[in-house]
Amino acid sequence: MKELVITPEMLVEARDKAVEMGQLYNSITRGAGNIAGFIGEAIAQKVLGGTLFNTYDYDLIHPSGSLIDVKTKQTGYVPLETYDCSIADLNTKQDCDYYCFVRVKNDFSVGWYLGVYDKQQYLQDAVFMQKGTIDPSNGYVVKSDCWNIKISQLKEHP
């Protein structure tokens, strides 16, 4: 896990992209997470390199050619290795090679690059959580069908 300071430039660029994009269909947060999502993509690019793309299937093309979809959550806390990384069941059909996970502090001061996981392996290793159930590991009521793994299971690079 790597902590990165979110620069004013990163924040302005993320806000501009969020306004341009608007609310995505089936957005769990109804568009409220767009700024954090774009900051997460910038953090992933700083750590992994590559080129950012704004597509449904992936967000970053790694220098190796791998297609990476960045998943970002906002948080009020420094992430712990026991926290979950989630993929909404709707997003399992995205055409990417890896999922990358990032957390962004609610005040947009810092973010954490958590790691990556091969998409096909993720779908074999992750635990399915149905909407409305309570995650026994943390008491969270699941808002949308999803697949979870722990931060400790992530890899540093593709």
N, C-alpha and C. Protein backbone atom coordinates (compact mmCIF):
# COMPACT_ATOMS: atom_id res chain seq x y z
N MET A 1 0.85 -1.17 0.00
CA MET A 1 0.00 0.00 0.00
C MET A 1 0.90 1.24 0.00
N LYS A 2 0.52 2.21 -0.84
CA LYS A 2 1.30 3.44 -0.94
C LYS A 2 0.39 4.64 -0.72
N GLU A 3 0.78 5.54 0.17
CA GLU A 3 0.03 6.77 0.40
C GLU A 3 0.58 7.87 -0.50
N LEU A 4 -0.32 8.60 -1.17
CA LEU A 4 0.07 9.71 -2.02
C LEU A 4 -0.73 10.96 -1.66
N VAL A 5 -0.06 12.10 -1.67
CA VAL A 5 -0.74 13.37 -1.44
C VAL A 5 -1.50 13.74 -2.71
N ILE A 6 -2.73 14.17 -2.54
CA ILE A 6 -3.55 14.62 -3.67
C ILE A 6 -3.24 16.10 -3.88
N THR A 7 -2.69 16.42 -5.04
CA THR A 7 -2.29 17.80 -5.33
C THR A 7 -3.51 18.63 -5.76
N PRO A 8 -3.40 19.95 -5.64
CA PRO A 8 -4.49 20.81 -6.14
C PRO A 8 -4.77 20.58 -7.63
N GLU A 9 -3.72 20.31 -8.40
CA GLU A 9 -3.89 20.05 -9.83
C GLU A 9 -4.69 18.77 -10.07
N MET A 10 -4.42 17.74 -9.30
CA MET A 10 -5.17 16.48 -9.42
C MET A 10 -6.65 16.72 -9.11
N LEU A 11 -6.91 17.52 -8.08
CA LEU A 11 -8.28 17.78 -7.67
C LEU A 11 -9.04 18.58 -8.73
N VAL A 12 -8.41 19.62 -9.28
CA VAL A 12 -9.06 20.43 -10.32
C VAL A 12 -9.36 19.58 -11.55
N GLU A 13 -8.39 18.77 -11.97
CA GLU A 13 -8.59 17.91 -13.14
C GLU A 13 -9.72 16.90 -12.89
N ALA A 14 -9.75 16.32 -11.69
CA ALA A 14 -10.80 15.35 -11.35
C ALA A 14 -12.17 16.02 -11.36
N ARG A 15 -12.27 17.23 -10.82
CA ARG A 15 -13.56 17.94 -10.81
C ARG A 15 -14.02 18.24 -12.23
N ASP A 16 -13.09 18.67 -13.08
CA ASP A 16 -13.44 18.97 -14.47
C ASP A 16 -13.95 17.71 -15.19
N LYS A 17 -13.27 16.59 -15.00
CA LYS A 17 -13.68 15.34 -15.63
C LYS A 17 -15.04 14.87 -15.10
N ALA A 18 -15.26 15.05 -13.80
CA ALA A 18 -16.53 14.63 -13.19
C ALA A 18 -17.70 15.43 -13.74
N VAL A 19 -17.52 16.72 -13.91
CA VAL A 19 -18.58 17.56 -14.47
C VAL A 19 -18.86 17.14 -15.91
N GLU A 20 -17.80 16.91 -16.67
CA GLU A 20 -17.96 16.50 -18.07
C GLU A 20 -18.70 15.17 -18.19
N MET A 21 -18.40 14.23 -17.29
CA MET A 21 -18.98 12.90 -17.37
C MET A 21 -20.44 12.87 -16.91
N GLY A 22 -20.77 13.59 -15.85
CA GLY A 22 -22.13 13.52 -15.30
C GLY A 22 -22.35 12.22 -14.55
N GLN A 23 -23.61 11.86 -14.32
CA GLN A 23 -23.96 10.66 -13.57
C GLN A 23 -24.01 9.44 -14.48
N LEU A 24 -23.33 8.38 -14.09
CA LEU A 24 -23.35 7.14 -14.85
C LEU A 24 -24.61 6.34 -14.54
N TYR A 25 -25.10 5.62 -15.53
CA TYR A 25 -26.23 4.71 -15.35
C TYR A 25 -25.84 3.64 -14.33
N ASN A 26 -26.73 3.33 -13.40
CA ASN A 26 -26.52 2.34 -12.34
C ASN A 26 -25.48 2.74 -11.31
N SER A 27 -25.14 4.02 -11.22
CA SER A 27 -24.17 4.48 -10.23
C SER A 27 -24.75 4.29 -8.83
N ILE A 28 -24.01 3.58 -7.98
CA ILE A 28 -24.46 3.35 -6.60
C ILE A 28 -24.54 4.67 -5.84
N THR A 29 -23.60 5.59 -6.11
CA THR A 29 -23.55 6.87 -5.41
C THR A 29 -24.23 7.99 -6.18
N ARG A 30 -24.87 7.67 -7.30
CA ARG A 30 -25.58 8.65 -8.15
C ARG A 30 -24.66 9.78 -8.59
N GLY A 31 -23.42 9.44 -8.89
CA GLY A 31 -22.47 10.43 -9.41
C GLY A 31 -21.62 11.11 -8.36
N ALA A 32 -21.94 10.93 -7.08
CA ALA A 32 -21.20 11.62 -6.02
C ALA A 32 -19.75 11.15 -5.91
N GLY A 33 -19.45 9.96 -6.37
CA GLY A 33 -18.10 9.43 -6.27
C GLY A 33 -17.23 9.70 -7.48
N ASN A 34 -17.73 10.47 -8.45
CA ASN A 34 -16.98 10.69 -9.68
C ASN A 34 -15.64 11.39 -9.44
N ILE A 35 -15.62 12.42 -8.59
CA ILE A 35 -14.36 13.12 -8.32
C ILE A 35 -13.36 12.15 -7.70
N ALA A 36 -13.79 11.40 -6.71
CA ALA A 36 -12.89 10.42 -6.07
C ALA A 36 -12.41 9.40 -7.09
N GLY A 37 -13.31 8.97 -7.98
CA GLY A 37 -12.94 7.99 -9.00
C GLY A 37 -11.84 8.51 -9.92
N PHE A 38 -11.96 9.76 -10.34
CA PHE A 38 -10.93 10.32 -11.22
C PHE A 38 -9.62 10.56 -10.47
N ILE A 39 -9.71 10.91 -9.19
CA ILE A 39 -8.49 11.02 -8.38
C ILE A 39 -7.85 9.64 -8.25
N GLY A 40 -8.66 8.61 -8.05
CA GLY A 40 -8.14 7.25 -7.96
C GLY A 40 -7.40 6.84 -9.23
N GLU A 41 -7.94 7.22 -10.38
CA GLU A 41 -7.26 6.91 -11.65
C GLU A 41 -5.91 7.62 -11.73
N ALA A 42 -5.87 8.89 -11.29
CA ALA A 42 -4.60 9.64 -11.31
C ALA A 42 -3.57 9.00 -10.38
N ILE A 43 -4.03 8.53 -9.22
CA ILE A 43 -3.13 7.86 -8.27
C ILE A 43 -2.59 6.56 -8.89
N ALA A 44 -3.48 5.78 -9.50
CA ALA A 44 -3.05 4.53 -10.13
C ALA A 44 -2.02 4.81 -11.22
N GLN A 45 -2.24 5.84 -12.01
CA GLN A 45 -1.29 6.17 -13.07
C GLN A 45 0.05 6.59 -12.49
N LYS A 46 0.05 7.37 -11.40
CA LYS A 46 1.32 7.78 -10.78
C LYS A 46 2.13 6.57 -10.32
N VAL A 47 1.45 5.57 -9.79
CA VAL A 47 2.14 4.39 -9.26
C VAL A 47 2.53 3.41 -10.38
N LEU A 48 1.60 3.16 -11.30
CA LEU A 48 1.81 2.11 -12.30
C LEU A 48 2.38 2.62 -13.63
N GLY A 49 2.25 3.93 -13.89
CA GLY A 49 2.62 4.45 -15.20
C GLY A 49 1.50 4.16 -16.18
N GLY A 50 1.79 4.34 -17.46
CA GLY A 50 0.79 4.05 -18.48
C GLY A 50 0.00 5.27 -18.88
N THR A 51 -1.06 5.03 -19.64
CA THR A 51 -1.88 6.08 -20.22
C THR A 51 -3.32 5.94 -19.76
N LEU A 52 -3.91 7.04 -19.30
CA LEU A 52 -5.30 7.03 -18.87
C LEU A 52 -6.24 7.09 -20.07
N PHE A 53 -7.32 6.32 -19.99
CA PHE A 53 -8.39 6.33 -20.98
C PHE A 53 -9.70 6.32 -20.21
N ASN A 54 -10.69 7.01 -20.71
CA ASN A 54 -11.98 7.03 -20.04
C ASN A 54 -12.95 6.15 -20.82
N THR A 55 -12.90 4.83 -20.56
CA THR A 55 -13.80 3.90 -21.22
C THR A 55 -14.59 3.14 -20.16
N TYR A 56 -15.66 2.49 -20.58
CA TYR A 56 -16.44 1.66 -19.67
C TYR A 56 -15.62 0.47 -19.19
N ASP A 57 -14.81 -0.10 -20.07
CA ASP A 57 -14.11 -1.35 -19.78
C ASP A 57 -12.83 -1.20 -18.98
N TYR A 58 -12.11 -0.12 -19.18
CA TYR A 58 -10.84 0.08 -18.47
C TYR A 58 -10.52 1.56 -18.38
N ASP A 59 -9.61 1.89 -17.46
CA ASP A 59 -9.22 3.29 -17.22
C ASP A 59 -7.77 3.58 -17.57
N LEU A 60 -6.96 2.53 -17.61
CA LEU A 60 -5.52 2.72 -17.75
C LEU A 60 -4.94 1.61 -18.62
N ILE A 61 -4.08 2.00 -19.54
CA ILE A 61 -3.30 1.00 -20.28
C ILE A 61 -1.90 1.03 -19.69
N HIS A 62 -1.53 -0.07 -19.05
CA HIS A 62 -0.23 -0.22 -18.40
C HIS A 62 0.86 -0.26 -19.47
N PRO A 63 2.09 0.14 -19.15
CA PRO A 63 3.18 0.06 -20.13
C PRO A 63 3.35 -1.34 -20.74
N SER A 64 2.93 -2.38 -20.03
CA SER A 64 3.02 -3.76 -20.54
C SER A 64 1.94 -4.05 -21.59
N GLY A 65 0.95 -3.15 -21.69
CA GLY A 65 -0.19 -3.37 -22.58
C GLY A 65 -1.42 -3.89 -21.87
N SER A 66 -1.30 -4.24 -20.60
CA SER A 66 -2.45 -4.72 -19.83
C SER A 66 -3.47 -3.61 -19.65
N LEU A 67 -4.75 -3.99 -19.72
CA LEU A 67 -5.86 -3.05 -19.52
C LEU A 67 -6.30 -3.12 -18.06
N ILE A 68 -6.32 -1.98 -17.40
CA ILE A 68 -6.58 -1.93 -15.96
C ILE A 68 -7.80 -1.06 -15.68
N ASP A 69 -8.75 -1.62 -14.93
CA ASP A 69 -9.89 -0.84 -14.48
C ASP A 69 -9.66 -0.45 -13.03
N VAL A 70 -9.73 0.83 -12.74
CA VAL A 70 -9.44 1.35 -11.40
C VAL A 70 -10.75 1.47 -10.62
N LYS A 71 -10.76 0.90 -9.42
CA LYS A 71 -11.91 0.95 -8.51
C LYS A 71 -11.52 1.76 -7.28
N THR A 72 -12.27 2.82 -7.03
CA THR A 72 -11.93 3.75 -5.95
C THR A 72 -13.07 3.83 -4.95
N LYS A 73 -12.70 3.83 -3.67
CA LYS A 73 -13.66 4.06 -2.59
C LYS A 73 -13.18 5.27 -1.79
N GLN A 74 -14.15 6.05 -1.30
CA GLN A 74 -13.81 7.13 -0.39
C GLN A 74 -13.82 6.59 1.04
N THR A 75 -13.01 7.21 1.89
CA THR A 75 -12.89 6.74 3.26
C THR A 75 -12.51 7.88 4.20
N GLY A 76 -12.80 7.69 5.45
CA GLY A 76 -12.38 8.64 6.47
C GLY A 76 -11.16 8.15 7.23
N TYR A 77 -10.68 6.96 6.87
CA TYR A 77 -9.63 6.31 7.65
C TYR A 77 -8.51 5.78 6.76
N VAL A 78 -7.35 5.62 7.36
CA VAL A 78 -6.26 4.94 6.67
C VAL A 78 -6.68 3.48 6.50
N PRO A 79 -6.65 2.96 5.27
CA PRO A 79 -7.10 1.58 5.04
C PRO A 79 -6.22 0.56 5.78
N LEU A 80 -6.87 -0.47 6.27
CA LEU A 80 -6.16 -1.58 6.91
C LEU A 80 -6.14 -2.77 5.95
N GLU A 81 -5.17 -3.63 6.12
CA GLU A 81 -5.02 -4.81 5.26
C GLU A 81 -6.24 -5.73 5.30
N THR A 82 -7.03 -5.63 6.36
CA THR A 82 -8.21 -6.50 6.51
C THR A 82 -9.45 -5.94 5.82
N TYR A 83 -9.39 -4.70 5.32
CA TYR A 83 -10.54 -4.10 4.64
C TYR A 83 -10.78 -4.80 3.30
N ASP A 84 -12.04 -4.74 2.86
CA ASP A 84 -12.43 -5.36 1.59
C ASP A 84 -12.24 -4.43 0.40
N CYS A 85 -11.96 -5.03 -0.72
CA CYS A 85 -11.98 -4.37 -2.03
C CYS A 85 -13.11 -5.03 -2.80
N SER A 86 -13.98 -4.21 -3.38
CA SER A 86 -15.21 -4.73 -3.98
C SER A 86 -15.31 -4.42 -5.47
N ILE A 87 -15.93 -5.35 -6.17
CA ILE A 87 -16.31 -5.16 -7.56
C ILE A 87 -17.82 -5.42 -7.62
N ALA A 88 -18.57 -4.43 -8.08
CA ALA A 88 -20.01 -4.63 -8.26
C ALA A 88 -20.23 -5.73 -9.29
N ASP A 89 -21.21 -6.58 -9.05
CA ASP A 89 -21.48 -7.69 -9.96
C ASP A 89 -21.74 -7.18 -11.38
N LEU A 90 -22.32 -6.00 -11.51
CA LEU A 90 -22.56 -5.40 -12.83
C LEU A 90 -21.26 -5.17 -13.60
N ASN A 91 -20.15 -4.97 -12.88
CA ASN A 91 -18.88 -4.62 -13.53
C ASN A 91 -18.01 -5.83 -13.86
N THR A 92 -18.48 -7.02 -13.60
CA THR A 92 -17.65 -8.20 -13.87
C THR A 92 -17.54 -8.51 -15.35
N LYS A 93 -18.33 -7.84 -16.16
CA LYS A 93 -18.29 -8.06 -17.61
C LYS A 93 -17.38 -7.06 -18.33
N GLN A 94 -16.76 -6.18 -17.57
CA GLN A 94 -15.84 -5.21 -18.19
C GLN A 94 -14.67 -5.95 -18.84
N ASP A 95 -14.26 -5.46 -20.00
CA ASP A 95 -13.17 -6.07 -20.75
C ASP A 95 -11.85 -5.47 -20.30
N CYS A 96 -11.30 -6.00 -19.21
CA CYS A 96 -10.02 -5.54 -18.69
C CYS A 96 -9.22 -6.76 -18.24
N ASP A 97 -7.94 -6.54 -18.02
CA ASP A 97 -7.06 -7.63 -17.57
C ASP A 97 -6.89 -7.64 -16.06
N TYR A 98 -6.91 -6.45 -15.47
CA TYR A 98 -6.69 -6.29 -14.03
C TYR A 98 -7.67 -5.30 -13.44
N TYR A 99 -7.97 -5.51 -12.16
CA TYR A 99 -8.64 -4.51 -11.36
C TYR A 99 -7.58 -3.87 -10.48
N CYS A 100 -7.64 -2.56 -10.33
CA CYS A 100 -6.74 -1.81 -9.45
C CYS A 100 -7.60 -1.15 -8.39
N PHE A 101 -7.14 -1.17 -7.16
CA PHE A 101 -7.93 -0.64 -6.05
C PHE A 101 -7.22 0.54 -5.39
N VAL A 102 -8.01 1.60 -5.16
CA VAL A 102 -7.50 2.84 -4.57
C VAL A 102 -8.51 3.31 -3.53
N ARG A 103 -8.04 3.92 -2.46
CA ARG A 103 -8.91 4.60 -1.50
C ARG A 103 -8.50 6.06 -1.48
N VAL A 104 -9.50 6.94 -1.36
CA VAL A 104 -9.27 8.38 -1.32
C VAL A 104 -9.93 8.92 -0.06
N LYS A 105 -9.18 9.71 0.71
CA LYS A 105 -9.73 10.28 1.92
C LYS A 105 -10.85 11.26 1.58
N ASN A 106 -11.89 11.27 2.41
CA ASN A 106 -13.09 12.07 2.15
C ASN A 106 -12.79 13.55 1.88
N ASP A 107 -11.74 14.09 2.51
CA ASP A 107 -11.41 15.51 2.31
C ASP A 107 -10.48 15.73 1.11
N PHE A 108 -10.20 14.67 0.36
CA PHE A 108 -9.35 14.72 -0.83
C PHE A 108 -7.93 15.22 -0.54
N SER A 109 -7.42 14.95 0.65
CA SER A 109 -6.05 15.36 0.98
C SER A 109 -5.03 14.29 0.59
N VAL A 110 -5.40 13.04 0.77
CA VAL A 110 -4.49 11.93 0.45
C VAL A 110 -5.28 10.77 -0.16
N GLY A 111 -4.54 9.88 -0.80
CA GLY A 111 -5.12 8.66 -1.32
C GLY A 111 -4.15 7.53 -1.13
N TRP A 112 -4.66 6.31 -1.25
CA TRP A 112 -3.82 5.13 -1.07
C TRP A 112 -3.97 4.20 -2.26
N TYR A 113 -2.86 3.90 -2.90
CA TYR A 113 -2.82 2.86 -3.93
C TYR A 113 -2.74 1.56 -3.15
N LEU A 114 -3.73 0.67 -3.34
CA LEU A 114 -3.78 -0.57 -2.56
C LEU A 114 -3.18 -1.76 -3.29
N GLY A 115 -3.31 -1.79 -4.62
CA GLY A 115 -2.76 -2.88 -5.39
C GLY A 115 -3.68 -3.30 -6.52
N VAL A 116 -3.29 -4.38 -7.19
CA VAL A 116 -4.04 -4.88 -8.35
C VAL A 116 -4.33 -6.37 -8.16
N TYR A 117 -5.26 -6.86 -9.01
CA TYR A 117 -5.58 -8.28 -9.00
C TYR A 117 -6.02 -8.65 -10.40
N ASP A 118 -5.51 -9.76 -10.91
CA ASP A 118 -5.90 -10.26 -12.21
C ASP A 118 -7.41 -10.51 -12.21
N LYS A 119 -8.10 -9.99 -13.24
CA LYS A 119 -9.56 -10.07 -13.27
C LYS A 119 -10.08 -11.50 -13.19
N GLN A 120 -9.56 -12.39 -14.03
CA GLN A 120 -10.05 -13.77 -14.04
C GLN A 120 -9.80 -14.46 -12.70
N GLN A 121 -8.63 -14.21 -12.12
CA GLN A 121 -8.32 -14.80 -10.81
C GLN A 121 -9.20 -14.19 -9.72
N TYR A 122 -9.48 -12.89 -9.83
CA TYR A 122 -10.34 -12.21 -8.86
C TYR A 122 -11.70 -12.90 -8.79
N LEU A 123 -12.26 -13.18 -9.97
CA LEU A 123 -13.59 -13.79 -10.00
C LEU A 123 -13.60 -15.21 -9.43
N GLN A 124 -12.45 -15.85 -9.37
CA GLN A 124 -12.35 -17.17 -8.75
C GLN A 124 -12.12 -17.07 -7.25
N ASP A 125 -11.37 -16.05 -6.81
CA ASP A 125 -10.96 -15.94 -5.41
C ASP A 125 -11.89 -15.11 -4.54
N ALA A 126 -12.65 -14.20 -5.14
CA ALA A 126 -13.47 -13.27 -4.37
C ALA A 126 -14.70 -13.95 -3.77
N VAL A 127 -15.23 -13.35 -2.73
CA VAL A 127 -16.43 -13.82 -2.05
C VAL A 127 -17.62 -13.00 -2.55
N PHE A 128 -18.68 -13.70 -2.99
CA PHE A 128 -19.88 -13.01 -3.47
C PHE A 128 -20.71 -12.54 -2.29
N MET A 129 -21.18 -11.27 -2.39
CA MET A 129 -22.05 -10.69 -1.36
C MET A 129 -23.32 -10.18 -2.04
N GLN A 130 -24.48 -10.64 -1.60
CA GLN A 130 -25.75 -10.26 -2.20
C GLN A 130 -26.28 -8.96 -1.59
N LYS A 131 -26.87 -8.12 -2.43
CA LYS A 131 -27.47 -6.86 -2.00
C LYS A 131 -28.40 -7.11 -0.82
N GLY A 132 -28.26 -6.25 0.20
CA GLY A 132 -29.14 -6.34 1.37
C GLY A 132 -28.61 -7.20 2.49
N THR A 133 -27.60 -8.05 2.20
CA THR A 133 -27.03 -8.88 3.27
C THR A 133 -26.05 -8.04 4.10
N ILE A 134 -25.78 -8.52 5.28
CA ILE A 134 -24.83 -7.85 6.16
C ILE A 134 -23.51 -8.62 6.11
N ASP A 135 -22.44 -7.89 5.76
CA ASP A 135 -21.11 -8.51 5.71
C ASP A 135 -20.71 -8.84 7.15
N PRO A 136 -20.53 -10.13 7.49
CA PRO A 136 -20.21 -10.50 8.87
C PRO A 136 -18.83 -10.00 9.34
N SER A 137 -17.96 -9.67 8.40
CA SER A 137 -16.61 -9.24 8.79
C SER A 137 -16.58 -7.78 9.26
N ASN A 138 -17.61 -6.97 8.88
CA ASN A 138 -17.55 -5.56 9.25
C ASN A 138 -18.91 -4.91 9.54
N GLY A 139 -20.00 -5.67 9.40
CA GLY A 139 -21.33 -5.14 9.69
C GLY A 139 -21.93 -4.27 8.59
N TYR A 140 -21.26 -4.16 7.46
CA TYR A 140 -21.72 -3.32 6.36
C TYR A 140 -22.90 -3.97 5.65
N VAL A 141 -23.95 -3.18 5.39
CA VAL A 141 -25.10 -3.66 4.62
C VAL A 141 -24.77 -3.47 3.15
N VAL A 142 -24.70 -4.55 2.41
CA VAL A 142 -24.29 -4.53 1.01
C VAL A 142 -25.34 -3.80 0.17
N LYS A 143 -24.89 -2.76 -0.60
CA LYS A 143 -25.79 -1.91 -1.38
C LYS A 143 -26.08 -2.45 -2.77
N SER A 144 -25.20 -3.31 -3.26
CA SER A 144 -25.36 -3.88 -4.60
C SER A 144 -24.62 -5.21 -4.62
N ASP A 145 -25.14 -6.19 -5.35
CA ASP A 145 -24.43 -7.47 -5.46
C ASP A 145 -22.97 -7.19 -5.81
N CYS A 146 -22.05 -7.82 -5.11
CA CYS A 146 -20.63 -7.54 -5.35
C CYS A 146 -19.75 -8.73 -4.99
N TRP A 147 -18.49 -8.60 -5.35
CA TRP A 147 -17.45 -9.60 -5.09
C TRP A 147 -16.35 -8.92 -4.28
N ASN A 148 -15.94 -9.53 -3.16
CA ASN A 148 -14.97 -8.92 -2.25
C ASN A 148 -13.72 -9.77 -2.05
N ILE A 149 -12.59 -9.09 -1.96
CA ILE A 149 -11.36 -9.70 -1.44
C ILE A 149 -10.72 -8.69 -0.48
N LYS A 150 -9.80 -9.15 0.33
CA LYS A 150 -9.12 -8.30 1.30
C LYS A 150 -7.95 -7.56 0.65
N ILE A 151 -7.65 -6.39 1.17
CA ILE A 151 -6.50 -5.63 0.69
C ILE A 151 -5.24 -6.48 0.76
N SER A 152 -5.13 -7.28 1.79
CA SER A 152 -3.92 -8.12 1.97
C SER A 152 -3.71 -9.11 0.82
N GLN A 153 -4.73 -9.38 0.02
CA GLN A 153 -4.62 -10.32 -1.09
C GLN A 153 -4.13 -9.66 -2.39
N LEU A 154 -4.09 -8.34 -2.43
CA LEU A 154 -3.72 -7.64 -3.65
C LEU A 154 -2.24 -7.77 -3.96
N LYS A 155 -1.91 -7.61 -5.24
CA LYS A 155 -0.53 -7.62 -5.71
C LYS A 155 -0.10 -6.18 -5.93
N GLU A 156 1.21 -5.92 -5.86
CA GLU A 156 1.70 -4.56 -6.04
C GLU A 156 1.62 -4.09 -7.48
N HIS A 157 1.93 -4.99 -8.42
CA HIS A 157 1.96 -4.63 -9.85
C HIS A 157 1.34 -5.74 -10.69
N PRO A 158 0.88 -5.39 -11.91
CA PRO A 158 0.36 -6.44 -12.83
C PRO A 158 1.45 -7.40 -13.23
